[in-house]
Protein backbone atom coordinates (compact mmCIF):
# COMPACT_ATOMS: atom_id res chain seq x y z
CA UNK A 1 0.00 0.00 0.00
CA UNK A 2 1.39 3.39 -1.01
CA UNK A 3 1.87 6.02 1.67
CA UNK A 4 -0.21 9.11 1.02
CA UNK A 5 1.26 12.54 1.70
CA UNK A 6 -0.37 15.85 2.55
CA UNK A 7 -0.04 16.95 -1.08
CA UNK A 8 -1.99 13.85 -2.16
CA UNK A 9 -4.80 14.66 0.24
CA UNK A 10 -4.85 18.22 -1.10
CA UNK A 11 -5.11 16.97 -4.67
CA UNK A 12 -7.97 14.66 -3.69
CA UNK A 13 -9.94 17.40 -1.92
CA UNK A 14 -10.39 19.89 -4.77
CA UNK A 15 -11.44 20.16 -8.39
CA UNK A 16 -10.28 23.50 -9.85
CA UNK A 17 -6.58 23.62 -10.78
CA UNK A 18 -4.59 26.25 -12.67
CA UNK A 19 -1.33 25.16 -14.35
CA UNK A 20 1.42 27.70 -15.05
CA UNK A 21 3.52 26.62 -18.05
CA UNK A 22 0.90 24.06 -19.10
CA UNK A 23 2.45 23.66 -22.56
CA UNK A 24 5.76 22.35 -21.21
CA UNK A 25 6.81 18.78 -21.97
CA UNK A 26 6.70 17.92 -18.27
CA UNK A 27 3.41 19.67 -17.58
CA UNK A 28 1.31 18.43 -20.48
CA UNK A 29 1.14 14.75 -19.40
CA UNK A 30 0.01 15.84 -15.94
CA UNK A 31 -2.70 17.96 -17.54
CA UNK A 32 -3.82 14.99 -19.66
CA UNK A 33 -4.14 12.70 -16.63
CA UNK A 34 -5.80 15.26 -14.34
CA UNK A 35 -8.24 16.24 -17.08
CA UNK A 36 -9.19 12.58 -17.58
CA UNK A 37 -9.70 12.23 -13.84
CA UNK A 38 -12.34 14.94 -13.92
CA UNK A 39 -10.47 17.99 -12.60
CA UNK A 40 -11.46 21.39 -13.96
CA UNK A 41 -8.25 22.82 -15.42
CA UNK A 42 -7.06 26.16 -16.74
CA UNK A 43 -3.57 26.95 -17.94
CA UNK A 44 -1.18 29.62 -19.10
CA UNK A 45 2.04 29.73 -21.07
CA UNK A 46 4.28 32.28 -22.72
CA UNK A 47 4.91 30.48 -26.01
CA UNK A 48 2.55 29.24 -28.68
CA UNK A 49 3.48 25.61 -29.43
CA UNK A 50 1.99 22.44 -30.92
CA UNK A 51 1.68 21.11 -27.37
CA UNK A 52 -0.30 24.14 -26.28
CA UNK A 53 -2.73 23.48 -29.12
CA UNK A 54 -3.11 19.89 -27.88
CA UNK A 55 -4.07 21.33 -24.48
CA UNK A 56 -6.77 23.42 -26.14
CA UNK A 57 -7.95 20.39 -28.11
CA UNK A 58 -8.72 18.73 -24.77
CA UNK A 59 -11.09 21.60 -24.01
CA UNK A 60 -8.79 23.19 -21.40
CA UNK A 61 -8.90 27.03 -21.47
CA UNK A 62 -5.43 28.50 -22.02
CA UNK A 63 -4.18 32.07 -21.65
CA UNK A 64 -1.13 33.13 -23.64
CA UNK A 65 0.92 35.12 -21.13
CA UNK A 66 1.16 35.12 -17.35
CA UNK A 67 -1.26 37.48 -15.61
CA UNK A 68 -2.34 37.69 -11.94
CA UNK A 69 -6.02 37.27 -12.82
CA UNK A 70 -5.35 33.84 -14.37
CA UNK A 71 -5.33 32.20 -10.92
CA UNK A 72 -8.62 33.71 -9.78
CA UNK A 73 -10.99 30.95 -8.67
CA UNK A 74 -8.35 28.21 -8.60
CA UNK A 75 -8.16 25.90 -5.59
CA UNK A 76 -4.60 24.80 -6.45
CA UNK A 77 -1.83 26.12 -8.68
CA UNK A 78 0.66 23.70 -10.25
CA UNK A 79 3.73 25.29 -11.80
CA UNK A 80 6.60 24.17 -14.00
CA UNK A 81 10.11 24.13 -12.51
CA UNK A 82 11.05 26.65 -15.21
CA UNK A 83 8.72 29.28 -13.67
CA UNK A 84 10.52 32.02 -11.73
CA UNK A 85 9.49 32.81 -8.14
CA UNK A 86 8.45 36.34 -9.09
CA UNK A 87 6.00 35.09 -11.73
CA UNK A 88 2.88 37.29 -11.39
CA UNK A 89 0.59 34.26 -11.17
CA UNK A 90 2.63 32.67 -8.38
CA UNK A 91 2.75 35.98 -6.55
CA UNK A 92 -1.02 36.42 -6.84
CA UNK A 93 -1.66 32.83 -5.72
CA UNK A 94 0.35 33.52 -2.57
CA UNK A 95 -1.61 36.71 -1.93
CA UNK A 96 -4.87 34.76 -2.22
CA UNK A 97 -3.56 31.89 -0.06
CA UNK A 98 -4.08 29.44 -2.92
CA UNK A 99 -1.90 26.32 -2.37
CA UNK A 100 0.90 25.94 -4.91
CA UNK A 101 2.59 22.74 -6.01
CA UNK A 102 5.72 22.29 -8.15
CA UNK A 103 5.33 19.95 -11.12
CA UNK A 104 7.38 17.06 -9.70
CA UNK A 105 5.39 17.14 -6.44
CA UNK A 106 2.13 16.96 -8.40
CA UNK A 107 3.47 14.06 -10.47
CA UNK A 108 4.49 12.31 -7.27
CA UNK A 109 0.94 12.62 -5.95
CA UNK A 110 -0.39 11.20 -9.22
CA UNK A 111 1.93 8.17 -9.03
CA UNK A 112 0.38 7.27 -5.68
CA UNK A 113 -3.03 7.02 -7.36
CA UNK A 114 -1.86 4.05 -9.47
CA UNK A 115 -1.30 0.52 -8.21
CA UNK A 116 1.41 -0.27 -10.77
CA UNK A 117 3.90 2.47 -11.60
CA UNK A 118 6.91 1.69 -13.79
CA UNK A 119 9.51 4.42 -13.26
CA UNK A 120 12.16 4.54 -16.00
CA UNK A 121 15.32 6.30 -14.85
CA UNK A 122 18.97 6.68 -15.84
CA UNK A 123 21.27 9.30 -17.30
CA UNK A 124 20.59 8.32 -20.92
CA UNK A 125 17.80 6.62 -22.85
CA UNK A 126 14.86 7.35 -20.54
CA UNK A 127 12.57 8.75 -23.21
CA UNK A 128 13.31 5.97 -25.68
CA UNK A 129 12.74 3.15 -23.18
CA UNK A 130 9.63 4.79 -21.73
CA UNK A 131 8.28 5.17 -25.26
CA UNK A 132 9.09 1.56 -26.14
CA UNK A 133 7.26 0.37 -23.03
CA UNK A 134 4.21 2.50 -23.75
CA UNK A 135 4.20 1.20 -27.34
CA UNK A 136 4.19 -2.41 -26.09
CA UNK A 137 1.50 -1.83 -23.47
CA UNK A 138 -0.71 0.35 -25.66
CA UNK A 139 -0.65 -1.94 -28.70
CA UNK A 140 -1.47 -5.01 -26.63
CA UNK A 141 -4.48 -3.85 -24.65
CA UNK A 142 -2.87 -2.92 -21.31
CA UNK A 143 -4.41 0.59 -21.57
CA UNK A 144 -1.58 2.39 -19.73
CA UNK A 145 -1.28 5.96 -18.59
CA UNK A 146 2.00 7.54 -19.62
CA UNK A 147 4.35 10.40 -18.81
CA UNK A 148 7.05 10.61 -21.50
CA UNK A 149 9.81 13.16 -22.11
CA UNK A 150 9.18 13.18 -25.86
CA UNK A 151 6.37 12.66 -28.33
CA UNK A 152 5.47 9.05 -29.11
CA UNK A 153 4.07 8.88 -32.68
CA UNK A 154 1.72 6.01 -31.77
CA UNK A 155 -0.28 8.31 -29.46
CA UNK A 156 0.93 11.58 -31.09
CA UNK A 157 1.67 12.89 -27.62
CA UNK A 158 3.98 12.59 -24.64
CA UNK A 159 1.11 11.96 -22.23
CA UNK A 160 -1.73 9.48 -22.04
CA UNK A 161 -4.51 8.74 -19.56
CA UNK A 162 -5.51 5.08 -19.57
CA UNK A 163 -8.20 3.33 -17.57
CA UNK A 164 -5.95 0.67 -16.04
CA UNK A 165 -3.83 0.88 -12.88
CA UNK A 166 -0.64 0.88 -14.98
CA UNK A 167 1.37 4.11 -15.27
CA UNK A 168 4.66 4.26 -17.19
CA UNK A 169 6.56 7.31 -16.00
CA UNK A 170 9.84 8.77 -17.22
CA UNK A 171 11.70 9.61 -14.01
CA UNK A 172 14.36 12.32 -14.15
CA UNK A 173 17.14 12.61 -11.58
CA UNK A 174 17.73 16.35 -12.13
CA UNK A 175 17.85 18.04 -8.69
CA UNK A 176 16.44 14.79 -7.23
CA UNK A 177 12.96 15.45 -8.66
CA UNK A 178 12.30 11.73 -9.18
CA UNK A 179 12.49 11.20 -5.42
CA UNK A 180 9.00 12.75 -5.30
CA UNK A 181 7.65 9.71 -7.19
CA UNK A 182 6.45 6.38 -5.85
CA UNK A 183 7.36 3.65 -8.36
CA UNK A 184 6.45 0.00 -8.00
CA UNK A 185 9.09 -1.00 -10.55
CA UNK A 186 12.31 0.95 -11.07
CA UNK A 187 13.99 0.47 -14.47
CA UNK A 188 17.56 1.79 -14.19
CA UNK A 189 19.28 2.17 -17.55
CA UNK A 190 22.68 3.62 -16.64
CA UNK A 191 24.46 6.09 -14.36
CA UNK A 192 26.87 8.63 -15.83
CA UNK A 193 28.21 11.97 -14.65
CA UNK A 194 25.60 14.62 -15.42
CA UNK A 195 23.99 17.53 -13.57
CA UNK A 196 27.22 17.71 -11.58
CA UNK A 197 26.58 21.37 -10.78
CA UNK A 198 23.95 19.91 -8.43
CA UNK A 199 25.25 16.45 -7.45
CA UNK A 200 28.94 17.54 -7.19
CA UNK A 201 30.24 13.94 -7.07
CA UNK A 202 29.50 10.65 -8.81
CA UNK A 203 28.93 9.02 -5.43
CA UNK A 204 26.22 11.55 -4.61
CA UNK A 205 24.57 10.88 -7.97
CA UNK A 206 24.69 7.12 -7.34
CA UNK A 207 23.10 7.66 -3.95
CA UNK A 208 20.19 9.44 -5.60
CA UNK A 209 19.53 6.50 -7.91
CA UNK A 210 19.96 4.16 -4.94
CA UNK A 211 17.27 6.07 -3.04
CA UNK A 212 14.89 5.99 -6.01
CA UNK A 213 15.36 2.22 -6.37
CA UNK A 214 14.71 1.71 -2.67
CA UNK A 215 11.28 3.30 -3.10
CA UNK A 216 10.23 0.55 -5.56
CA UNK A 217 9.29 -3.10 -5.01
CA UNK A 218 11.23 -4.44 -8.02
CA UNK A 219 14.36 -3.09 -9.68
CA UNK A 220 15.29 -3.85 -13.30
CA UNK A 221 18.90 -2.70 -13.74
CA UNK A 222 21.49 -2.65 -16.51
CA UNK A 223 23.89 -5.39 -15.41
CA UNK A 224 26.44 -4.20 -17.98
CA UNK A 225 26.68 -0.72 -16.48
CA UNK A 226 29.26 -0.60 -13.69
CA UNK A 227 27.97 2.62 -12.13
CA UNK A 228 24.38 1.41 -12.17
CA UNK A 229 25.30 -1.84 -10.46
CA UNK A 230 27.41 0.07 -7.94
CA UNK A 231 24.44 2.35 -7.20
CA UNK A 232 22.29 -0.70 -6.48
CA UNK A 233 24.65 -2.14 -3.86
CA UNK A 234 22.69 -2.65 -0.65
CA UNK A 235 19.29 -2.13 -2.28
CA UNK A 236 17.06 -4.60 -0.46
CA UNK A 237 14.59 -5.22 -3.30
CA UNK A 238 14.01 -7.85 -5.95
CA UNK A 239 16.86 -7.15 -8.41
CA UNK A 240 16.61 -8.24 -12.05
CA UNK A 241 19.39 -7.52 -14.55
CA UNK A 242 19.28 -6.84 -18.28
CA UNK A 243 21.92 -6.13 -20.88
CA UNK A 244 23.98 -7.58 -23.69
CA UNK A 245 26.09 -10.02 -21.68
CA UNK A 246 24.69 -13.48 -21.01
CA UNK A 247 25.34 -13.08 -17.29
CA UNK A 248 22.17 -10.97 -17.09
CA UNK A 249 18.66 -12.30 -16.40
CA UNK A 250 17.45 -10.80 -19.70
CA UNK A 251 19.97 -10.39 -22.51
CA UNK A 252 20.42 -10.08 -26.27
CA UNK A 253 22.03 -13.00 -28.11
CA UNK A 254 23.03 -13.43 -31.77
CA UNK A 255 23.05 -9.68 -32.41
CA UNK A 256 23.13 -8.45 -36.01
CA UNK A 257 23.56 -4.74 -36.78
CA UNK A 258 22.53 -3.49 -40.19
CA UNK A 259 23.63 -0.35 -42.03
CA UNK A 260 20.99 2.40 -42.25
CA UNK A 261 18.36 0.22 -40.62
CA UNK A 262 18.63 -1.36 -37.19
CA UNK A 263 19.65 -4.41 -35.22
CA UNK A 264 18.19 -7.86 -34.71
CA UNK A 265 18.73 -10.28 -31.85
CA UNK A 266 17.27 -13.13 -29.84
CA UNK A 267 15.78 -11.99 -26.54
CA UNK A 268 16.90 -14.43 -23.86
CA UNK A 269 15.64 -14.98 -20.32
CA UNK A 270 17.77 -17.19 -18.09
CA UNK A 271 19.17 -18.94 -21.16
CA UNK A 272 15.74 -19.52 -22.75
CA UNK A 273 14.79 -17.71 -25.98
CA UNK A 274 11.66 -15.61 -25.53
CA UNK A 275 11.47 -14.24 -29.07
CA UNK A 276 13.43 -12.81 -31.99
CA UNK A 277 13.43 -9.01 -32.09
CA UNK A 278 14.00 -6.95 -35.24
CA UNK A 279 14.23 -3.26 -34.37
CA UNK A 280 13.30 -0.31 -36.56
CA UNK A 281 15.52 2.20 -34.71
CA UNK A 282 19.28 2.27 -35.42
CA UNK A 283 22.28 2.02 -33.13
CA UNK A 284 23.76 -0.55 -30.78
CA UNK A 285 22.55 1.50 -27.82
CA UNK A 286 18.99 0.75 -28.89
CA UNK A 287 19.68 -2.96 -28.52
CA UNK A 288 20.27 -2.35 -24.82
CA UNK A 289 17.33 0.06 -24.60
CA UNK A 290 14.99 -2.47 -26.14
CA UNK A 291 16.15 -5.28 -23.84
CA UNK A 292 15.34 -2.99 -20.88
CA UNK A 293 11.86 -2.31 -22.27
CA UNK A 294 11.33 -5.99 -23.10
CA UNK A 295 12.33 -7.09 -19.59
CA UNK A 296 10.01 -4.59 -17.90
CA UNK A 297 7.15 -5.45 -20.27
CA UNK A 298 7.60 -9.21 -19.78
CA UNK A 299 7.64 -8.82 -16.00
CA UNK A 300 4.36 -6.91 -16.31
CA UNK A 301 2.63 -9.64 -18.29
CA UNK A 302 3.47 -9.02 -21.96
CA UNK A 303 4.34 -12.09 -24.02
CA UNK A 304 7.43 -12.52 -26.16
CA UNK A 305 5.30 -12.34 -29.30
CA UNK A 306 3.67 -9.08 -28.19
CA UNK A 307 7.04 -7.57 -27.28
CA UNK A 308 8.65 -8.53 -30.60
CA UNK A 309 5.78 -7.17 -32.69
CA UNK A 310 5.57 -3.84 -30.85
CA UNK A 311 9.33 -3.24 -30.79
CA UNK A 312 9.42 -3.77 -34.55
CA UNK A 313 6.56 -1.28 -34.89
CA UNK A 314 8.40 1.28 -32.75
CA UNK A 315 9.92 3.90 -35.05
CA UNK A 316 11.40 6.11 -32.34
CA UNK A 317 10.32 8.94 -30.09
CA UNK A 318 10.29 12.60 -31.06
CA UNK A 319 13.78 14.15 -31.13
CA UNK A 320 15.48 10.74 -30.79
CA UNK A 321 17.32 10.30 -34.11
CA UNK A 322 14.14 11.56 -35.70
CA UNK A 323 14.33 11.80 -39.49
CA UNK A 324 12.73 15.14 -40.33
CA UNK A 325 13.20 15.29 -44.10
CA UNK A 326 15.05 13.93 -47.11
CA UNK A 327 15.57 16.61 -49.75
CA UNK A 328 17.66 16.15 -52.91
CA UNK A 329 19.35 13.16 -51.27
CA UNK A 330 20.26 15.10 -48.10
CA UNK A 331 18.85 13.58 -44.90
CA UNK A 332 17.97 15.98 -42.07
CA UNK A 333 17.63 14.40 -38.62
CA UNK A 334 17.26 15.69 -35.07
CA UNK A 335 18.30 14.22 -31.73
CA UNK A 336 17.99 15.29 -28.09
CA UNK A 337 21.55 14.18 -27.17
CA UNK A 338 23.20 16.78 -24.95
CA UNK A 339 25.67 14.81 -22.80
CA UNK A 340 28.98 13.49 -24.20
CA UNK A 341 27.94 9.87 -23.68
CA UNK A 342 24.67 10.43 -25.55
CA UNK A 343 26.46 12.26 -28.34
CA UNK A 344 28.99 9.43 -28.59
CA UNK A 345 26.43 6.67 -29.10
CA UNK A 346 24.29 8.77 -31.46
CA UNK A 347 27.22 9.93 -33.60
CA UNK A 348 28.77 6.47 -33.73
CA UNK A 349 25.44 5.13 -34.94
CA UNK A 350 25.23 7.90 -37.55
CA UNK A 351 28.75 7.16 -38.82
CA UNK A 352 27.91 3.47 -39.26
CA UNK A 353 24.84 4.11 -41.40
CA UNK A 354 26.63 4.48 -44.73
CA UNK A 355 26.16 8.18 -45.40
CA UNK A 356 28.78 9.93 -47.53
CA UNK A 357 29.34 12.65 -44.95
CA UNK A 358 27.85 13.31 -41.52
CA UNK A 359 27.40 16.88 -40.29
CA UNK A 360 26.74 17.22 -36.55
CA UNK A 361 25.12 20.54 -35.62
CA UNK A 362 25.38 20.84 -31.86
CA UNK A 363 23.93 23.34 -29.40
CA UNK A 364 25.70 23.11 -26.01
CA UNK A 365 23.19 23.25 -23.16
CA UNK A 366 24.04 25.08 -19.90
CA UNK A 367 27.30 26.80 -19.14
CA UNK A 368 28.13 24.51 -16.22
CA UNK A 369 27.86 21.30 -18.26
CA UNK A 370 29.92 22.83 -21.08
CA UNK A 371 32.71 23.79 -18.67
CA UNK A 372 32.70 20.61 -16.59
CA UNK A 373 32.62 18.25 -19.58
CA UNK A 374 34.53 20.40 -22.10
CA UNK A 375 37.19 17.80 -22.96
CA UNK A 376 34.62 15.00 -23.27
CA UNK A 377 32.54 17.14 -25.62
CA UNK A 378 35.64 17.95 -27.67
CA UNK A 379 36.50 14.25 -27.95
CA UNK A 380 33.09 12.95 -29.08
CA UNK A 381 32.41 15.86 -31.44
CA UNK A 382 35.38 14.68 -33.48
CA UNK A 383 33.42 11.53 -34.42
CA UNK A 384 31.40 13.04 -37.31
CA UNK A 385 32.96 14.28 -40.52
CA UNK A 386 32.25 17.85 -39.46
CA UNK A 387 30.86 19.56 -36.39
CA UNK A 388 29.03 22.88 -36.48
CA UNK A 389 28.46 24.64 -33.15
CA UNK A 390 25.84 27.18 -32.16
CA UNK A 391 25.89 29.50 -29.19
CA UNK A 392 25.54 27.87 -25.76
CA UNK A 393 21.96 27.81 -24.49
CA UNK A 394 22.26 28.93 -20.88
CA UNK A 395 18.66 28.11 -19.94
CA UNK A 396 18.34 28.37 -16.15
CA UNK A 397 21.94 29.56 -15.61
CA UNK A 398 23.92 32.79 -15.57
CA UNK A 399 27.30 32.52 -17.29
CA UNK A 400 29.47 33.00 -14.22
CA UNK A 401 32.01 30.66 -15.84
CA UNK A 402 32.85 33.01 -18.71
CA UNK A 403 32.64 30.07 -21.13
CA UNK A 404 31.93 30.55 -24.85
CA UNK A 405 31.04 28.08 -27.59
CA UNK A 406 34.24 29.14 -29.36
CA UNK A 407 36.23 27.66 -26.44
CA UNK A 408 34.83 24.26 -27.39
CA UNK A 409 35.07 24.89 -31.12
CA UNK A 410 38.82 25.51 -30.89
CA UNK A 411 39.32 22.03 -29.41
CA UNK A 412 37.60 20.26 -32.35
CA UNK A 413 39.55 19.97 -35.64
CA UNK A 414 37.60 21.40 -38.57
CA UNK A 415 34.80 22.69 -36.36
CA UNK A 416 32.78 25.72 -37.43
CA UNK A 417 31.06 28.09 -34.99
CA UNK A 418 28.15 30.21 -36.21
CA UNK A 419 26.19 32.57 -33.97
CA UNK A 420 22.67 32.15 -35.39
CA UNK A 421 20.44 29.37 -36.68
CA UNK A 422 20.03 31.25 -39.97
CA UNK A 423 23.81 31.25 -40.53
CA UNK A 424 24.02 27.58 -39.58
CA UNK A 425 21.26 26.70 -42.05
CA UNK A 426 22.96 28.73 -44.80
CA UNK A 427 26.25 26.92 -44.15
CA UNK A 428 24.59 23.50 -44.39
CA UNK A 429 22.64 24.39 -47.54
CA UNK A 430 25.85 25.60 -49.20
CA UNK A 431 27.94 22.56 -48.23
CA UNK A 432 25.78 19.44 -47.78
CA UNK A 433 25.39 17.19 -50.83
CA UNK A 434 23.29 14.22 -51.88
CA UNK A 435 24.07 11.20 -49.72
CA UNK A 436 24.94 13.30 -46.66
CA UNK A 437 23.33 13.27 -43.21
CA UNK A 438 22.83 16.45 -41.22
CA UNK A 439 21.83 15.85 -37.60
CA UNK A 440 21.00 18.61 -35.14
CA UNK A 441 21.82 17.72 -31.54
CA UNK A 442 20.93 19.18 -28.15
CA UNK A 443 18.09 19.45 -25.65
CA UNK A 444 17.44 23.14 -26.30
CA UNK A 445 15.87 24.63 -29.43
CA UNK A 446 18.45 23.54 -32.02
CA UNK A 447 15.65 21.69 -33.83
CA UNK A 448 14.64 25.13 -35.10
CA UNK A 449 17.86 25.22 -37.12
CA UNK A 450 16.84 21.92 -38.74
CA UNK A 451 13.48 23.41 -39.72
CA UNK A 452 15.21 26.42 -41.28
CA UNK A 453 17.53 24.08 -43.22
CA UNK A 454 14.53 22.18 -44.54
CA UNK A 455 12.82 25.38 -45.64
CA UNK A 456 15.95 26.64 -47.41
CA UNK A 457 16.67 23.31 -49.10
CA UNK A 458 13.10 23.14 -50.40
CA UNK A 459 13.36 26.70 -51.71
CA UNK A 460 16.60 25.79 -53.48
CA UNK A 461 14.97 23.01 -55.52
């Protein structure tokens, strides 16, 4: 039985909720679930986006812009972590004594409303594995609810409200937000140095994952990942391993990797073949990702046949090696990779796909990460044939480090730095040729550069 908290009781005692930043990728799935549960919602956001239109399509009134009067009549205000403390709606809510709840706290309360919560965590691959799991469950009648970090084409959304007690929830370690959640199953993909401006040390990061795993009943962990296994030391829960090596409980055998397509393998469980899996997403890293999803799905009642069929149907999540266009033989793709390890696996996969030339267009995200991992970024950004850098997206930070994108550019042979998306698009249009791949990379808004490239390439025809 899950322990209820005061925030849960608050959520259960009211009906009218206002959501600040409702169009955000983390807020929208919460809105979808609360709306389905019968709450009366309103929302506000500063930017017009496709997601904001999806909110309106649900029948939820949305105000473009943040104004004090937006919270009038609300019994609770939920706000995105990106909202500043001096936001006029937050200020007004405080003046009116309306309870406020940060997004991760609200999500935590929601997880305690479900009897079976699968929390997918790890430094890399969370969105892909969460999406794979939702694909398996949704296609095979499990009717799950879902909170995903990216858009899943199958549901054309990153949030879903099902009628079952199953919730698949992407669980992010940033500033320990996932410790608000109450998972029944923890799926731990990997542990790598990230968000070190907050965690400071790898041991502290491992401890956070350890604590998250301790809150679950069952832990499915990458047995091939040394840091993940180290983080699980002393976890007194049912521990199930997955990976590539045959020492794991679930593993991939007889792996075949194909150029420009994807891998195939036999999914094994304790030495017994469950099924043959042929993926539709490229890269060796997706072999491991799919074994994680397959293990979690199997443990939740999916059959080998169901898992194999759905994983073959899975074409990727939004911004995860997403092919955006193919124009005059030039392929334009986009990927969320923003950590050196993610860049490494994505770029290695790109280089093995048989393109004549691979252009990596990278937007560094946060000044602290750029400074702390500068040499690792410089190393992996030498993998493609050419790297093009944009300005650093500072996001929530002030540049107290004095770091510039040019500092990174100078460490990468042949790298080009351009200070606007328009200039980047012009450079690509002038240089890319038929048979080339151009992939934009980063968790900020670098995808906008890809869209400009597409527009310019179409105009050139």
